[in-house]
Amino acid sequence: MFSLQTMFGKGDKFYGLLEASAEAARESAAALVAQVGKGGGASLEDFSLARRREKDLAAQISEELVNSFVTALDREDIEALSSALYKIPKTVEKFAERYALVGERLQGIDFLPRAELLHKATDVVARMVGLLRDGMRIDRTKKLQDQLQSIESEADRLLLEPYRTLYATATDPMRAILAKDLFELLEKAIDRCRDVGNVVYAIVLKHS
């Protein structure tokens, strides 16, 4: 269908920038899985690069909003989605920095299952953002949002056991505090993914 967005060529630009932001969030989660896994294959620079890339994309989106007469989506929706996406790698980087400092003291505490859930959540986020370009199908968007909610519920369930173990058997209160801080950052990062999903779903509802 003909539209002013197509005529001015703005649709692909904003969709592409938002999709790149979602991919940067997914890359930061993948680096986190590598960091807490047995190989420990990610460096802090990997997280800094993902966060800087996300920041640069957010700045580019803001600049394009100023310079564009016609936008692919409502301006406030683009701003809200860009802001929500930026918060994912920002939160992941906070975890990575703290884990690099105290990880040796937390030997035996397994963060990998929660990191893998975060990676799974960012994959769903990337697919949801991609749907904005692809017709904004509400049925497909709702299905992906349900997947995010399921991931969030599973993450909440997984947190119960380590908390129970830490509080019941911990002989080092500081170790328990440090672990709790890191678990809460992982939980917060997954919540950030849910926030992105909510923004996308609201956009699709508006245009359905």
N, C-alpha and C. Protein backbone atom coordinates (compact mmCIF):
# COMPACT_ATOMS: atom_id res chain seq x y z
N MET A 1 0.85 -1.20 0.00
CA MET A 1 0.00 0.00 0.00
C MET A 1 0.88 1.25 0.00
N PHE A 2 0.50 2.24 -0.82
CA PHE A 2 1.27 3.48 -0.88
C PHE A 2 1.13 4.24 0.44
N SER A 3 2.20 4.84 0.91
CA SER A 3 2.15 5.66 2.12
C SER A 3 3.20 6.75 2.03
N LEU A 4 3.01 7.81 2.82
CA LEU A 4 4.01 8.87 2.88
C LEU A 4 5.33 8.33 3.41
N GLN A 5 5.26 7.35 4.32
CA GLN A 5 6.48 6.76 4.86
C GLN A 5 7.32 6.16 3.74
N THR A 6 6.65 5.45 2.85
CA THR A 6 7.37 4.86 1.73
C THR A 6 7.92 5.95 0.81
N MET A 7 7.11 6.98 0.57
CA MET A 7 7.52 8.03 -0.34
C MET A 7 8.78 8.74 0.17
N PHE A 8 8.84 8.99 1.48
CA PHE A 8 9.98 9.70 2.03
C PHE A 8 11.11 8.77 2.44
N GLY A 9 10.89 7.47 2.33
CA GLY A 9 11.95 6.52 2.59
C GLY A 9 12.38 6.42 4.04
N LYS A 10 11.47 6.72 4.97
CA LYS A 10 11.86 6.73 6.38
C LYS A 10 11.58 5.40 7.08
N GLY A 11 10.68 4.62 6.52
CA GLY A 11 10.30 3.39 7.20
C GLY A 11 11.46 2.47 7.47
N ASP A 12 12.18 2.11 6.41
CA ASP A 12 13.28 1.17 6.55
C ASP A 12 14.36 1.70 7.48
N LYS A 13 14.59 3.00 7.46
CA LYS A 13 15.65 3.59 8.27
C LYS A 13 15.38 3.37 9.76
N PHE A 14 14.19 3.71 10.21
CA PHE A 14 13.89 3.56 11.64
C PHE A 14 13.75 2.10 12.03
N TYR A 15 13.12 1.32 11.18
CA TYR A 15 13.03 -0.11 11.48
C TYR A 15 14.43 -0.72 11.59
N GLY A 16 15.29 -0.35 10.66
CA GLY A 16 16.65 -0.89 10.66
C GLY A 16 17.42 -0.50 11.92
N LEU A 17 17.28 0.75 12.36
CA LEU A 17 17.99 1.20 13.56
C LEU A 17 17.47 0.47 14.80
N LEU A 18 16.17 0.30 14.89
CA LEU A 18 15.60 -0.41 16.04
C LEU A 18 15.99 -1.89 16.02
N GLU A 19 16.01 -2.48 14.85
CA GLU A 19 16.44 -3.88 14.74
C GLU A 19 17.91 -4.04 15.13
N ALA A 20 18.74 -3.07 14.74
CA ALA A 20 20.15 -3.11 15.13
C ALA A 20 20.30 -2.97 16.64
N SER A 21 19.45 -2.15 17.26
CA SER A 21 19.48 -2.00 18.71
C SER A 21 19.11 -3.31 19.40
N ALA A 22 18.11 -3.98 18.88
CA ALA A 22 17.71 -5.27 19.45
C ALA A 22 18.83 -6.30 19.29
N GLU A 23 19.53 -6.26 18.17
CA GLU A 23 20.64 -7.18 17.95
C GLU A 23 21.79 -6.89 18.91
N ALA A 24 22.05 -5.62 19.20
CA ALA A 24 23.10 -5.27 20.16
C ALA A 24 22.75 -5.81 21.54
N ALA A 25 21.49 -5.74 21.90
CA ALA A 25 21.05 -6.30 23.19
C ALA A 25 21.27 -7.81 23.21
N ARG A 26 20.96 -8.47 22.11
CA ARG A 26 21.15 -9.92 22.04
C ARG A 26 22.63 -10.28 22.12
N GLU A 27 23.48 -9.49 21.49
CA GLU A 27 24.92 -9.75 21.54
C GLU A 27 25.47 -9.60 22.96
N SER A 28 24.95 -8.63 23.69
CA SER A 28 25.42 -8.44 25.06
C SER A 28 25.03 -9.63 25.93
N ALA A 29 23.83 -10.18 25.71
CA ALA A 29 23.40 -11.35 26.47
C ALA A 29 24.24 -12.57 26.10
N ALA A 30 24.59 -12.71 24.82
CA ALA A 30 25.44 -13.82 24.39
C ALA A 30 26.82 -13.73 25.05
N ALA A 31 27.36 -12.51 25.15
CA ALA A 31 28.64 -12.32 25.82
C ALA A 31 28.54 -12.69 27.30
N LEU A 32 27.39 -12.42 27.90
CA LEU A 32 27.21 -12.76 29.31
C LEU A 32 27.21 -14.27 29.52
N VAL A 33 26.55 -14.99 28.62
CA VAL A 33 26.57 -16.46 28.70
C VAL A 33 28.00 -16.96 28.63
N ALA A 34 28.79 -16.38 27.75
CA ALA A 34 30.19 -16.78 27.63
C ALA A 34 30.97 -16.44 28.90
N GLN A 35 30.66 -15.30 29.51
CA GLN A 35 31.40 -14.87 30.69
C GLN A 35 31.18 -15.80 31.88
N VAL A 36 29.93 -16.18 32.12
CA VAL A 36 29.63 -16.99 33.31
C VAL A 36 29.74 -18.48 33.03
N GLY A 37 29.92 -18.86 31.77
CA GLY A 37 30.09 -20.28 31.45
C GLY A 37 31.47 -20.77 31.84
N LYS A 38 31.70 -22.04 31.64
CA LYS A 38 32.96 -22.66 32.06
C LYS A 38 34.17 -22.08 31.33
N GLY A 39 33.94 -21.66 30.07
CA GLY A 39 35.06 -21.14 29.31
C GLY A 39 35.48 -19.73 29.70
N GLY A 40 34.52 -18.94 30.22
CA GLY A 40 34.82 -17.56 30.57
C GLY A 40 35.35 -16.78 29.39
N GLY A 41 34.69 -16.94 28.22
CA GLY A 41 35.27 -16.44 26.98
C GLY A 41 35.02 -14.99 26.65
N ALA A 42 34.28 -14.23 27.48
CA ALA A 42 33.98 -12.84 27.15
C ALA A 42 34.80 -11.91 28.03
N SER A 43 35.25 -10.81 27.44
CA SER A 43 35.97 -9.79 28.19
C SER A 43 35.04 -8.62 28.45
N LEU A 44 35.44 -7.74 29.38
CA LEU A 44 34.63 -6.56 29.66
C LEU A 44 34.49 -5.68 28.43
N GLU A 45 35.48 -5.72 27.55
CA GLU A 45 35.41 -4.91 26.34
C GLU A 45 34.25 -5.35 25.45
N ASP A 46 33.92 -6.65 25.46
CA ASP A 46 32.78 -7.14 24.68
C ASP A 46 31.49 -6.45 25.12
N PHE A 47 31.34 -6.30 26.43
CA PHE A 47 30.13 -5.67 26.97
C PHE A 47 30.14 -4.17 26.72
N SER A 48 31.31 -3.56 26.85
CA SER A 48 31.41 -2.13 26.59
C SER A 48 31.09 -1.81 25.13
N LEU A 49 31.55 -2.66 24.23
CA LEU A 49 31.28 -2.44 22.81
C LEU A 49 29.79 -2.54 22.51
N ALA A 50 29.13 -3.54 23.09
CA ALA A 50 27.69 -3.71 22.87
C ALA A 50 26.93 -2.52 23.43
N ARG A 51 27.31 -2.06 24.61
CA ARG A 51 26.62 -0.93 25.22
C ARG A 51 26.87 0.36 24.43
N ARG A 52 28.12 0.56 23.98
CA ARG A 52 28.43 1.76 23.19
C ARG A 52 27.70 1.73 21.86
N ARG A 53 27.63 0.54 21.27
CA ARG A 53 26.89 0.41 20.01
C ARG A 53 25.42 0.78 20.21
N GLU A 54 24.85 0.29 21.30
CA GLU A 54 23.45 0.61 21.61
C GLU A 54 23.28 2.11 21.85
N LYS A 55 24.24 2.71 22.55
CA LYS A 55 24.17 4.14 22.82
C LYS A 55 24.27 4.94 21.53
N ASP A 56 25.17 4.53 20.65
CA ASP A 56 25.33 5.22 19.36
C ASP A 56 24.05 5.11 18.52
N LEU A 57 23.43 3.94 18.55
CA LEU A 57 22.19 3.74 17.80
C LEU A 57 21.08 4.61 18.37
N ALA A 58 21.01 4.71 19.71
CA ALA A 58 19.99 5.56 20.33
C ALA A 58 20.20 7.01 19.93
N ALA A 59 21.45 7.45 19.90
CA ALA A 59 21.75 8.82 19.49
C ALA A 59 21.38 9.05 18.02
N GLN A 60 21.63 8.06 17.19
CA GLN A 60 21.29 8.18 15.77
C GLN A 60 19.78 8.25 15.58
N ILE A 61 19.06 7.43 16.37
CA ILE A 61 17.59 7.46 16.30
C ILE A 61 17.08 8.84 16.70
N SER A 62 17.64 9.41 17.77
CA SER A 62 17.23 10.74 18.22
C SER A 62 17.50 11.78 17.15
N GLU A 63 18.66 11.68 16.50
CA GLU A 63 19.01 12.62 15.44
C GLU A 63 18.07 12.50 14.25
N GLU A 64 17.74 11.26 13.89
CA GLU A 64 16.84 11.05 12.76
C GLU A 64 15.44 11.57 13.07
N LEU A 65 15.03 11.46 14.33
CA LEU A 65 13.71 11.98 14.71
C LEU A 65 13.65 13.49 14.55
N VAL A 66 14.76 14.16 14.85
CA VAL A 66 14.82 15.61 14.70
C VAL A 66 14.78 16.00 13.22
N ASN A 67 15.47 15.22 12.40
CA ASN A 67 15.64 15.58 11.00
C ASN A 67 14.56 15.04 10.07
N SER A 68 13.69 14.18 10.57
CA SER A 68 12.70 13.52 9.71
C SER A 68 11.34 14.17 9.84
N PHE A 69 10.75 14.47 8.71
CA PHE A 69 9.38 15.01 8.69
C PHE A 69 8.36 13.89 8.90
N VAL A 70 8.64 12.74 8.30
CA VAL A 70 7.76 11.57 8.42
C VAL A 70 8.55 10.44 9.05
N THR A 71 7.95 9.73 10.00
CA THR A 71 8.62 8.63 10.68
C THR A 71 7.84 7.34 10.46
N ALA A 72 8.54 6.23 10.62
CA ALA A 72 7.92 4.92 10.39
C ALA A 72 6.83 4.63 11.41
N LEU A 73 7.04 5.08 12.65
CA LEU A 73 6.09 4.90 13.73
C LEU A 73 5.89 6.25 14.39
N ASP A 74 4.96 6.34 15.32
CA ASP A 74 4.82 7.58 16.07
C ASP A 74 6.12 7.90 16.80
N ARG A 75 6.46 9.16 16.85
CA ARG A 75 7.75 9.55 17.42
C ARG A 75 7.91 9.09 18.86
N GLU A 76 6.85 9.23 19.65
CA GLU A 76 6.95 8.83 21.06
C GLU A 76 7.16 7.32 21.20
N ASP A 77 6.62 6.56 20.25
CA ASP A 77 6.81 5.10 20.28
C ASP A 77 8.25 4.73 19.93
N ILE A 78 8.81 5.41 18.95
CA ILE A 78 10.21 5.16 18.59
C ILE A 78 11.12 5.49 19.76
N GLU A 79 10.86 6.63 20.41
CA GLU A 79 11.68 7.04 21.55
C GLU A 79 11.56 6.04 22.70
N ALA A 80 10.33 5.60 22.98
CA ALA A 80 10.12 4.66 24.08
C ALA A 80 10.81 3.33 23.81
N LEU A 81 10.71 2.85 22.58
CA LEU A 81 11.32 1.56 22.24
C LEU A 81 12.84 1.66 22.25
N SER A 82 13.38 2.75 21.72
CA SER A 82 14.83 2.95 21.73
C SER A 82 15.37 3.00 23.15
N SER A 83 14.66 3.71 24.03
CA SER A 83 15.09 3.82 25.42
C SER A 83 15.03 2.47 26.12
N ALA A 84 13.97 1.72 25.89
CA ALA A 84 13.83 0.41 26.53
C ALA A 84 14.92 -0.56 26.06
N LEU A 85 15.24 -0.52 24.78
CA LEU A 85 16.29 -1.40 24.24
C LEU A 85 17.66 -1.05 24.82
N TYR A 86 17.95 0.24 24.97
CA TYR A 86 19.25 0.67 25.48
C TYR A 86 19.50 0.15 26.89
N LYS A 87 18.44 0.01 27.67
CA LYS A 87 18.60 -0.39 29.07
C LYS A 87 19.04 -1.85 29.23
N ILE A 88 18.85 -2.68 28.19
CA ILE A 88 19.25 -4.09 28.31
C ILE A 88 20.77 -4.23 28.38
N PRO A 89 21.53 -3.79 27.36
CA PRO A 89 22.99 -3.94 27.46
C PRO A 89 23.58 -3.11 28.58
N LYS A 90 22.94 -2.01 28.96
CA LYS A 90 23.43 -1.21 30.08
C LYS A 90 23.38 -2.02 31.37
N THR A 91 22.29 -2.74 31.59
CA THR A 91 22.16 -3.57 32.79
C THR A 91 23.10 -4.77 32.72
N VAL A 92 23.23 -5.37 31.55
CA VAL A 92 24.14 -6.51 31.38
C VAL A 92 25.58 -6.09 31.67
N GLU A 93 25.96 -4.91 31.22
CA GLU A 93 27.33 -4.45 31.46
C GLU A 93 27.58 -4.26 32.96
N LYS A 94 26.60 -3.78 33.70
CA LYS A 94 26.74 -3.64 35.15
C LYS A 94 27.03 -5.00 35.78
N PHE A 95 26.28 -6.03 35.35
CA PHE A 95 26.52 -7.38 35.87
C PHE A 95 27.95 -7.81 35.54
N ALA A 96 28.35 -7.63 34.28
CA ALA A 96 29.67 -8.10 33.83
C ALA A 96 30.79 -7.44 34.62
N GLU A 97 30.66 -6.15 34.87
CA GLU A 97 31.70 -5.43 35.62
C GLU A 97 31.81 -5.96 37.05
N ARG A 98 30.68 -6.18 37.69
CA ARG A 98 30.71 -6.65 39.08
C ARG A 98 31.17 -8.10 39.15
N TYR A 99 30.72 -8.89 38.18
CA TYR A 99 31.14 -10.29 38.17
C TYR A 99 32.64 -10.41 37.97
N ALA A 100 33.21 -9.55 37.14
CA ALA A 100 34.65 -9.58 36.91
C ALA A 100 35.42 -9.27 38.20
N LEU A 101 34.83 -8.45 39.06
CA LEU A 101 35.49 -8.06 40.31
C LEU A 101 35.38 -9.13 41.39
N VAL A 102 34.23 -9.81 41.47
CA VAL A 102 33.97 -10.69 42.62
C VAL A 102 33.76 -12.15 42.22
N GLY A 103 33.87 -12.46 40.93
CA GLY A 103 33.58 -13.82 40.47
C GLY A 103 34.37 -14.90 41.19
N GLU A 104 35.65 -14.62 41.48
CA GLU A 104 36.47 -15.62 42.16
C GLU A 104 35.92 -15.97 43.52
N ARG A 105 35.30 -15.00 44.16
CA ARG A 105 34.75 -15.22 45.50
C ARG A 105 33.43 -15.99 45.45
N LEU A 106 32.84 -16.12 44.27
CA LEU A 106 31.54 -16.75 44.13
C LEU A 106 31.63 -18.10 43.43
N GLN A 107 32.78 -18.74 43.52
CA GLN A 107 32.95 -20.07 42.95
C GLN A 107 31.90 -21.02 43.52
N GLY A 108 31.28 -21.81 42.64
CA GLY A 108 30.26 -22.76 43.07
C GLY A 108 28.84 -22.23 42.93
N ILE A 109 28.69 -20.94 42.67
CA ILE A 109 27.36 -20.36 42.44
C ILE A 109 27.15 -20.26 40.93
N ASP A 110 26.11 -20.88 40.45
CA ASP A 110 25.91 -21.03 39.00
C ASP A 110 24.96 -19.96 38.47
N PHE A 111 25.51 -19.02 37.73
CA PHE A 111 24.69 -17.96 37.12
C PHE A 111 24.27 -18.32 35.69
N LEU A 112 24.81 -19.42 35.16
CA LEU A 112 24.60 -19.73 33.75
C LEU A 112 23.14 -19.95 33.37
N PRO A 113 22.33 -20.70 34.15
CA PRO A 113 20.94 -20.90 33.72
C PRO A 113 20.17 -19.60 33.57
N ARG A 114 20.43 -18.63 34.47
CA ARG A 114 19.73 -17.35 34.36
C ARG A 114 20.25 -16.54 33.18
N ALA A 115 21.57 -16.61 32.94
CA ALA A 115 22.15 -15.91 31.79
C ALA A 115 21.58 -16.48 30.48
N GLU A 116 21.40 -17.79 30.43
CA GLU A 116 20.84 -18.41 29.23
C GLU A 116 19.38 -17.99 29.02
N LEU A 117 18.64 -17.83 30.12
CA LEU A 117 17.27 -17.33 30.00
C LEU A 117 17.25 -15.90 29.48
N LEU A 118 18.20 -15.10 29.94
CA LEU A 118 18.31 -13.73 29.43
C LEU A 118 18.61 -13.73 27.93
N HIS A 119 19.52 -14.58 27.52
CA HIS A 119 19.84 -14.67 26.09
C HIS A 119 18.61 -15.07 25.29
N LYS A 120 17.84 -16.01 25.83
CA LYS A 120 16.61 -16.44 25.17
C LYS A 120 15.62 -15.28 25.10
N ALA A 121 15.55 -14.49 26.16
CA ALA A 121 14.63 -13.34 26.18
C ALA A 121 15.03 -12.30 25.14
N THR A 122 16.34 -12.05 25.00
CA THR A 122 16.78 -11.07 24.00
C THR A 122 16.52 -11.57 22.58
N ASP A 123 16.56 -12.87 22.39
CA ASP A 123 16.22 -13.43 21.08
C ASP A 123 14.76 -13.16 20.75
N VAL A 124 13.88 -13.34 21.75
CA VAL A 124 12.46 -13.06 21.54
C VAL A 124 12.26 -11.57 21.26
N VAL A 125 12.98 -10.73 22.01
CA VAL A 125 12.89 -9.28 21.80
C VAL A 125 13.26 -8.92 20.36
N ALA A 126 14.35 -9.49 19.86
CA ALA A 126 14.78 -9.20 18.49
C ALA A 126 13.71 -9.61 17.48
N ARG A 127 13.07 -10.74 17.73
CA ARG A 127 12.01 -11.19 16.82
C ARG A 127 10.80 -10.26 16.89
N MET A 128 10.46 -9.78 18.09
CA MET A 128 9.33 -8.88 18.24
C MET A 128 9.59 -7.55 17.52
N VAL A 129 10.78 -7.01 17.68
CA VAL A 129 11.11 -5.75 17.01
C VAL A 129 11.07 -5.95 15.49
N GLY A 130 11.53 -7.11 15.03
CA GLY A 130 11.50 -7.41 13.60
C GLY A 130 10.10 -7.46 13.03
N LEU A 131 9.12 -7.82 13.87
CA LEU A 131 7.74 -7.90 13.40
C LEU A 131 7.15 -6.54 13.08
N LEU A 132 7.72 -5.48 13.66
CA LEU A 132 7.19 -4.13 13.38
C LEU A 132 7.28 -3.81 11.89
N ARG A 133 8.34 -4.26 11.28
CA ARG A 133 8.52 -4.04 9.84
C ARG A 133 7.61 -4.97 9.03
N ASP A 134 7.26 -6.09 9.62
CA ASP A 134 6.62 -7.18 8.89
C ASP A 134 5.11 -7.23 9.11
N GLY A 135 4.47 -6.06 9.06
CA GLY A 135 3.01 -6.05 9.07
C GLY A 135 2.36 -5.93 10.42
N MET A 136 3.12 -5.97 11.52
CA MET A 136 2.57 -5.79 12.87
C MET A 136 1.40 -6.74 13.14
N ARG A 137 1.62 -8.01 12.92
CA ARG A 137 0.58 -9.01 13.19
C ARG A 137 0.39 -9.17 14.69
N ILE A 138 -0.83 -8.89 15.17
CA ILE A 138 -1.06 -8.91 16.61
C ILE A 138 -1.00 -10.32 17.17
N ASP A 139 -1.41 -11.33 16.38
CA ASP A 139 -1.39 -12.70 16.87
C ASP A 139 0.04 -13.18 17.08
N ARG A 140 0.92 -12.88 16.15
CA ARG A 140 2.32 -13.29 16.28
C ARG A 140 3.01 -12.51 17.40
N THR A 141 2.68 -11.24 17.51
CA THR A 141 3.28 -10.42 18.57
C THR A 141 2.85 -10.92 19.95
N LYS A 142 1.56 -11.24 20.09
CA LYS A 142 1.05 -11.74 21.38
C LYS A 142 1.72 -13.07 21.74
N LYS A 143 1.94 -13.91 20.76
CA LYS A 143 2.59 -15.20 21.03
C LYS A 143 4.00 -14.99 21.56
N LEU A 144 4.72 -14.04 20.98
CA LEU A 144 6.08 -13.76 21.44
C LEU A 144 6.07 -13.09 22.81
N GLN A 145 5.10 -12.22 23.05
CA GLN A 145 5.00 -11.60 24.36
C GLN A 145 4.72 -12.65 25.44
N ASP A 146 3.89 -13.62 25.11
CA ASP A 146 3.63 -14.72 26.05
C ASP A 146 4.90 -15.50 26.34
N GLN A 147 5.76 -15.66 25.32
CA GLN A 147 7.04 -16.34 25.54
C GLN A 147 7.91 -15.55 26.51
N LEU A 148 7.93 -14.22 26.37
CA LEU A 148 8.70 -13.39 27.30
C LEU A 148 8.19 -13.53 28.72
N GLN A 149 6.89 -13.54 28.88
CA GLN A 149 6.31 -13.69 30.21
C GLN A 149 6.65 -15.06 30.81
N SER A 150 6.67 -16.08 29.95
CA SER A 150 7.03 -17.42 30.41
C SER A 150 8.49 -17.46 30.85
N ILE A 151 9.37 -16.80 30.09
CA ILE A 151 10.79 -16.74 30.45
C ILE A 151 10.96 -16.01 31.78
N GLU A 152 10.23 -14.91 31.96
CA GLU A 152 10.32 -14.15 33.21
C GLU A 152 9.87 -15.00 34.40
N SER A 153 8.79 -15.76 34.22
CA SER A 153 8.31 -16.64 35.29
C SER A 153 9.32 -17.72 35.62
N GLU A 154 9.96 -18.29 34.59
CA GLU A 154 10.97 -19.31 34.80
C GLU A 154 12.18 -18.73 35.53
N ALA A 155 12.57 -17.51 35.18
CA ALA A 155 13.69 -16.86 35.86
C ALA A 155 13.37 -16.62 37.33
N ASP A 156 12.15 -16.20 37.62
CA ASP A 156 11.74 -16.01 39.01
C ASP A 156 11.81 -17.32 39.78
N ARG A 157 11.37 -18.40 39.13
CA ARG A 157 11.40 -19.71 39.79
C ARG A 157 12.83 -20.15 40.08
N LEU A 158 13.72 -19.92 39.12
CA LEU A 158 15.10 -20.35 39.28
C LEU A 158 15.82 -19.58 40.39
N LEU A 159 15.34 -18.38 40.69
CA LEU A 159 15.99 -17.59 41.73
C LEU A 159 15.70 -18.11 43.13
N LEU A 160 14.61 -18.82 43.29
CA LEU A 160 14.22 -19.26 44.63
C LEU A 160 15.24 -20.21 45.25
N GLU A 161 15.73 -21.16 44.45
CA GLU A 161 16.63 -22.17 45.00
C GLU A 161 17.97 -21.58 45.45
N PRO A 162 18.65 -20.77 44.63
CA PRO A 162 19.91 -20.19 45.11
C PRO A 162 19.72 -19.28 46.32
N TYR A 163 18.63 -18.54 46.37
CA TYR A 163 18.37 -17.71 47.54
C TYR A 163 18.21 -18.58 48.78
N ARG A 164 17.45 -19.67 48.64
CA ARG A 164 17.22 -20.56 49.77
C ARG A 164 18.55 -21.16 50.25
N THR A 165 19.38 -21.57 49.30
CA THR A 165 20.67 -22.16 49.64
C THR A 165 21.60 -21.15 50.30
N LEU A 166 21.65 -19.94 49.74
CA LEU A 166 22.52 -18.91 50.28
C LEU A 166 22.13 -18.55 51.71
N TYR A 167 20.86 -18.40 51.96
CA TYR A 167 20.42 -17.97 53.28
C TYR A 167 20.51 -19.11 54.31
N ALA A 168 20.33 -20.34 53.83
CA ALA A 168 20.31 -21.47 54.76
C ALA A 168 21.70 -21.97 55.11
N THR A 169 22.63 -21.90 54.17
CA THR A 169 23.93 -22.55 54.38
C THR A 169 25.11 -21.59 54.34
N ALA A 170 24.88 -20.33 54.02
CA ALA A 170 26.00 -19.41 53.86
C ALA A 170 26.72 -19.17 55.18
N THR A 171 28.03 -19.33 55.14
CA THR A 171 28.86 -19.01 56.31
C THR A 171 29.59 -17.69 56.10
N ASP A 172 29.49 -17.14 54.89
CA ASP A 172 30.13 -15.89 54.55
C ASP A 172 29.05 -14.90 54.12
N PRO A 173 28.60 -14.01 55.03
CA PRO A 173 27.51 -13.09 54.70
C PRO A 173 27.82 -12.23 53.48
N MET A 174 29.07 -11.80 53.32
CA MET A 174 29.41 -10.95 52.18
C MET A 174 29.25 -11.71 50.86
N ARG A 175 29.62 -12.98 50.86
CA ARG A 175 29.45 -13.80 49.66
C ARG A 175 27.97 -13.88 49.27
N ALA A 176 27.11 -14.04 50.27
CA ALA A 176 25.67 -14.10 50.02
C ALA A 176 25.16 -12.78 49.46
N ILE A 177 25.65 -11.67 50.00
CA ILE A 177 25.22 -10.35 49.54
C ILE A 177 25.66 -10.12 48.09
N LEU A 178 26.91 -10.47 47.79
CA LEU A 178 27.42 -10.29 46.43
C LEU A 178 26.64 -11.12 45.42
N ALA A 179 26.35 -12.37 45.79
CA ALA A 179 25.59 -13.24 44.89
C ALA A 179 24.19 -12.70 44.67
N LYS A 180 23.55 -12.26 45.74
CA LYS A 180 22.20 -11.71 45.64
C LYS A 180 22.19 -10.49 44.71
N ASP A 181 23.20 -9.64 44.82
CA ASP A 181 23.28 -8.46 43.98
C ASP A 181 23.36 -8.85 42.50
N LEU A 182 24.15 -9.87 42.19
CA LEU A 182 24.30 -10.31 40.81
C LEU A 182 23.04 -10.98 40.29
N PHE A 183 22.41 -11.81 41.12
CA PHE A 183 21.16 -12.44 40.71
C PHE A 183 20.09 -11.38 40.41
N GLU A 184 20.05 -10.34 41.22
CA GLU A 184 19.05 -9.29 41.02
C GLU A 184 19.32 -8.50 39.74
N LEU A 185 20.59 -8.33 39.37
CA LEU A 185 20.89 -7.67 38.10
C LEU A 185 20.44 -8.51 36.91
N LEU A 186 20.62 -9.83 37.00
CA LEU A 186 20.11 -10.70 35.94
C LEU A 186 18.60 -10.61 35.84
N GLU A 187 17.95 -10.61 37.00
CA GLU A 187 16.49 -10.48 37.02
C GLU A 187 16.05 -9.14 36.40
N LYS A 188 16.79 -8.09 36.72
CA LYS A 188 16.47 -6.77 36.18
C LYS A 188 16.65 -6.74 34.66
N ALA A 189 17.70 -7.39 34.15
CA ALA A 189 17.92 -7.43 32.71
C ALA A 189 16.78 -8.14 31.99
N ILE A 190 16.29 -9.22 32.59
CA ILE A 190 15.16 -9.94 32.00
C ILE A 190 13.90 -9.08 32.05
N ASP A 191 13.75 -8.33 33.15
CA ASP A 191 12.62 -7.39 33.24
C ASP A 191 12.70 -6.33 32.15
N ARG A 192 13.93 -5.90 31.81
CA ARG A 192 14.11 -4.93 30.73
C ARG A 192 13.61 -5.50 29.40
N CYS A 193 13.84 -6.78 29.19
CA CYS A 193 13.34 -7.44 27.97
C CYS A 193 11.81 -7.42 27.96
N ARG A 194 11.23 -7.70 29.11
CA ARG A 194 9.77 -7.65 29.21
C ARG A 194 9.25 -6.25 28.88
N ASP A 195 9.96 -5.22 29.36
CA ASP A 195 9.55 -3.84 29.08
C ASP A 195 9.55 -3.57 27.57
N VAL A 196 10.58 -4.04 26.87
CA VAL A 196 10.62 -3.88 25.42
C VAL A 196 9.42 -4.58 24.79
N GLY A 197 9.14 -5.80 25.24
CA GLY A 197 8.00 -6.53 24.70
C GLY A 197 6.69 -5.78 24.90
N ASN A 198 6.54 -5.16 26.06
CA ASN A 198 5.32 -4.39 26.33
C ASN A 198 5.19 -3.19 25.40
N VAL A 199 6.32 -2.52 25.14
CA VAL A 199 6.30 -1.38 24.22
C VAL A 199 5.91 -1.84 22.81
N VAL A 200 6.53 -2.92 22.35
CA VAL A 200 6.22 -3.43 21.01
C VAL A 200 4.75 -3.82 20.91
N TYR A 201 4.25 -4.52 21.92
CA TYR A 201 2.86 -4.97 21.90
C TYR A 201 1.91 -3.78 21.87
N ALA A 202 2.24 -2.72 22.64
CA ALA A 202 1.39 -1.53 22.65
C ALA A 202 1.40 -0.85 21.27
N ILE A 203 2.54 -0.83 20.61
CA ILE A 203 2.62 -0.25 19.26
C ILE A 203 1.75 -1.03 18.29
N VAL A 204 1.86 -2.36 18.36
CA VAL A 204 1.08 -3.20 17.45
C VAL A 204 -0.42 -3.03 17.71
N LEU A 205 -0.81 -2.96 18.98
CA LEU A 205 -2.22 -2.74 19.29
C LEU A 205 -2.71 -1.42 18.72
N LYS A 206 -1.89 -0.40 18.80
CA LYS A 206 -2.26 0.91 18.29
C LYS A 206 -2.51 0.88 16.78
N HIS A 207 -1.77 0.05 16.08
CA HIS A 207 -1.85 0.02 14.62
C HIS A 207 -2.71 -1.12 14.09
N SER A 208 -3.31 -1.89 14.99
CA SER A 208 -4.13 -3.02 14.53
C SER A 208 -5.55 -2.58 14.20
